[in-house]
Structure formats: C-alpha cells, structure tokens
Amino acid sequence: MTVKVSEHMEQVRYFAWVKKHRRMHEQLHLVFAIPNGGYRHKAVAARMKAEGVEPGIPDIFVSVPKNGLCGLYIEMK
C-alpha cells in the first residue's frame, strides 16, 4: 500500500533537512519558503496582496548564485 505524503509534509521534511545541514553548507542559510498559498482570512489575504504577494509563485527559493544563474525556485507538489 502506497501512502501519499502531503505537500505540506514534503516541505516540512525538506526544511528539516536544510536546517540539519546548515552547519556543513553555509549556502543553506539562503534557502527560504515563500508564503504564497493556502486559505487565508479575507483581511489577511488583502493585506498580503497589498504587500506584493502574487499567485503562481513557487514555494521555495534557494538564493545561491551559481554558474551565472541567480538561484533556484522550487515548486512542491
């Protein structure tokens, strides 16, 4: 039997791994989540929209420049 893991749990596991390995890999301090989904109260959603939150933006950004590129966006599914 295959157990489906939620996107939330995948992201929680990913950031647990990131936090565990930060001492060995300093670049992992530049990895962060983008709070851009899920249900929000209308007032909170309006406030976030006014602050520039946009739909369709990936969940995670790895802000580490490499090989002439400026970083990596990750979309969890």
C-alpha atoms as a PDB file:
ATOM      1  CA  MET A   1       0.000   0.000   0.000  1.00  0.00           C
ATOM      2  CA  THR A   2       1.386   3.392  -1.009  1.00  0.00           C
ATOM      3  CA  VAL A   3       0.887   6.277   1.392  1.00  0.00           C
ATOM      4  CA  LYS A   4       0.550   9.692  -0.211  1.00  0.00           C
ATOM      5  CA  VAL A   5       2.536  12.375   1.602  1.00  0.00           C
ATOM      6  CA  SER A   6       1.063  15.871   1.549  1.00  0.00           C
ATOM      7  CA  GLU A   7       2.853  18.820   0.007  1.00  0.00           C
ATOM      8  CA  HIS A   8       2.970  20.338   3.479  1.00  0.00           C
ATOM      9  CA  MET A   9       4.790  17.318   4.919  1.00  0.00           C
ATOM     10  CA  GLU A  10       7.217  17.205   1.984  1.00  0.00           C
ATOM     11  CA  GLN A  11       8.113  20.843   2.590  1.00  0.00           C
ATOM     12  CA  VAL A  12       8.426  20.288   6.354  1.00  0.00           C
ATOM     13  CA  ARG A  13      10.820  17.381   5.693  1.00  0.00           C
ATOM     14  CA  TYR A  14      12.784  19.453   3.178  1.00  0.00           C
ATOM     15  CA  PHE A  15      13.311  22.298   5.657  1.00  0.00           C
ATOM     16  CA  ALA A  16      14.205  19.839   8.436  1.00  0.00           C
ATOM     17  CA  TRP A  17      16.958  18.555   6.113  1.00  0.00           C
ATOM     18  CA  VAL A  18      18.041  22.119   5.269  1.00  0.00           C
ATOM     19  CA  LYS A  19      18.278  23.086   8.937  1.00  0.00           C
ATOM     20  CA  LYS A  20      20.162  19.881   9.793  1.00  0.00           C
ATOM     21  CA  HIS A  21      22.828  20.541   7.151  1.00  0.00           C
ATOM     22  CA  ARG A  22      23.323  24.323   7.517  1.00  0.00           C
ATOM     23  CA  ARG A  23      26.490  23.977   9.569  1.00  0.00           C
ATOM     24  CA  MET A  24      28.174  21.931   6.838  1.00  0.00           C
ATOM     25  CA  HIS A  25      26.832  24.011   3.945  1.00  0.00           C
ATOM     26  CA  GLU A  26      26.652  27.752   4.680  1.00  0.00           C
ATOM     27  CA  GLN A  27      24.643  28.371   1.478  1.00  0.00           C
ATOM     28  CA  LEU A  28      21.660  26.632   3.087  1.00  0.00           C
ATOM     29  CA  HIS A  29      21.155  29.785   5.166  1.00  0.00           C
ATOM     30  CA  LEU A  30      19.949  31.329   1.894  1.00  0.00           C
ATOM     31  CA  VAL A  31      17.066  28.879   1.414  1.00  0.00           C
ATOM     32  CA  PHE A  32      13.608  30.102   2.379  1.00  0.00           C
ATOM     33  CA  ALA A  33       9.906  29.420   1.856  1.00  0.00           C
ATOM     34  CA  ILE A  34       7.570  31.844   0.129  1.00  0.00           C
ATOM     35  CA  PRO A  35       4.190  32.019   1.936  1.00  0.00           C
ATOM     36  CA  ASN A  36       2.077  32.120  -1.167  1.00  0.00           C
ATOM     37  CA  GLY A  37      -0.734  29.634  -0.847  1.00  0.00           C
ATOM     38  CA  GLY A  38      -3.380  28.153   1.354  1.00  0.00           C
ATOM     39  CA  TYR A  39      -6.526  29.568   2.834  1.00  0.00           C
ATOM     40  CA  ARG A  40      -6.353  32.996   4.410  1.00  0.00           C
ATOM     41  CA  HIS A  41      -8.963  35.188   6.024  1.00  0.00           C
ATOM     42  CA  LYS A  42     -10.056  37.876   3.536  1.00  0.00           C
ATOM     43  CA  ALA A  43      -8.450  40.676   5.557  1.00  0.00           C
ATOM     44  CA  VAL A  44      -5.125  38.809   5.730  1.00  0.00           C
ATOM     45  CA  ALA A  45      -5.274  37.948   2.015  1.00  0.00           C
ATOM     46  CA  ALA A  46      -5.953  41.613   1.131  1.00  0.00           C
ATOM     47  CA  ARG A  47      -3.057  42.737   3.299  1.00  0.00           C
ATOM     48  CA  MET A  48      -0.681  40.216   1.724  1.00  0.00           C
ATOM     49  CA  LYS A  49      -1.814  41.210  -1.772  1.00  0.00           C
ATOM     50  CA  ALA A  50      -1.129  44.859  -0.916  1.00  0.00           C
ATOM     51  CA  GLU A  51       2.370  43.785   0.183  1.00  0.00           C
ATOM     52  CA  GLY A  52       3.014  42.235  -3.230  1.00  0.00           C
ATOM     53  CA  VAL A  53       2.122  38.565  -2.791  1.00  0.00           C
ATOM     54  CA  GLU A  54       1.272  37.091  -6.195  1.00  0.00           C
ATOM     55  CA  PRO A  55      -0.394  33.787  -7.097  1.00  0.00           C
ATOM     56  CA  GLY A  56       1.637  31.242  -9.007  1.00  0.00           C
ATOM     57  CA  ILE A  57       4.979  31.960  -7.351  1.00  0.00           C
ATOM     58  CA  PRO A  58       6.917  28.791  -6.414  1.00  0.00           C
ATOM     59  CA  ASP A  59       7.056  27.610  -2.813  1.00  0.00           C
ATOM     60  CA  ILE A  60      10.787  27.787  -2.108  1.00  0.00           C
ATOM     61  CA  PHE A  61      13.715  29.916  -3.253  1.00  0.00           C
ATOM     62  CA  VAL A  62      17.346  28.846  -2.996  1.00  0.00           C
ATOM     63  CA  SER A  63      19.109  32.196  -3.149  1.00  0.00           C
ATOM     64  CA  VAL A  64      22.518  30.822  -4.085  1.00  0.00           C
ATOM     65  CA  PRO A  65      24.139  32.169  -7.269  1.00  0.00           C
ATOM     66  CA  LYS A  66      25.962  29.516  -9.289  1.00  0.00           C
ATOM     67  CA  ASN A  67      27.302  29.229 -12.831  1.00  0.00           C
ATOM     68  CA  GLY A  68      25.985  32.661 -13.772  1.00  0.00           C
ATOM     69  CA  LEU A  69      22.478  31.937 -12.519  1.00  0.00           C
ATOM     70  CA  CYS A  70      20.865  33.833  -9.663  1.00  0.00           C
ATOM     71  CA  GLY A  71      19.254  30.955  -7.759  1.00  0.00           C
ATOM     72  CA  LEU A  72      16.679  28.179  -7.898  1.00  0.00           C
ATOM     73  CA  TYR A  73      12.914  28.236  -7.408  1.00  0.00           C
ATOM     74  CA  ILE A  74      11.266  25.006  -6.217  1.00  0.00           C
ATOM     75  CA  GLU A  75       7.552  24.222  -6.549  1.00  0.00           C
ATOM     76  CA  MET A  76       6.372  21.473  -4.205  1.00  0.00           C
ATOM     77  CA  LYS A  77       3.663  19.122  -5.465  1.00  0.00           C
END
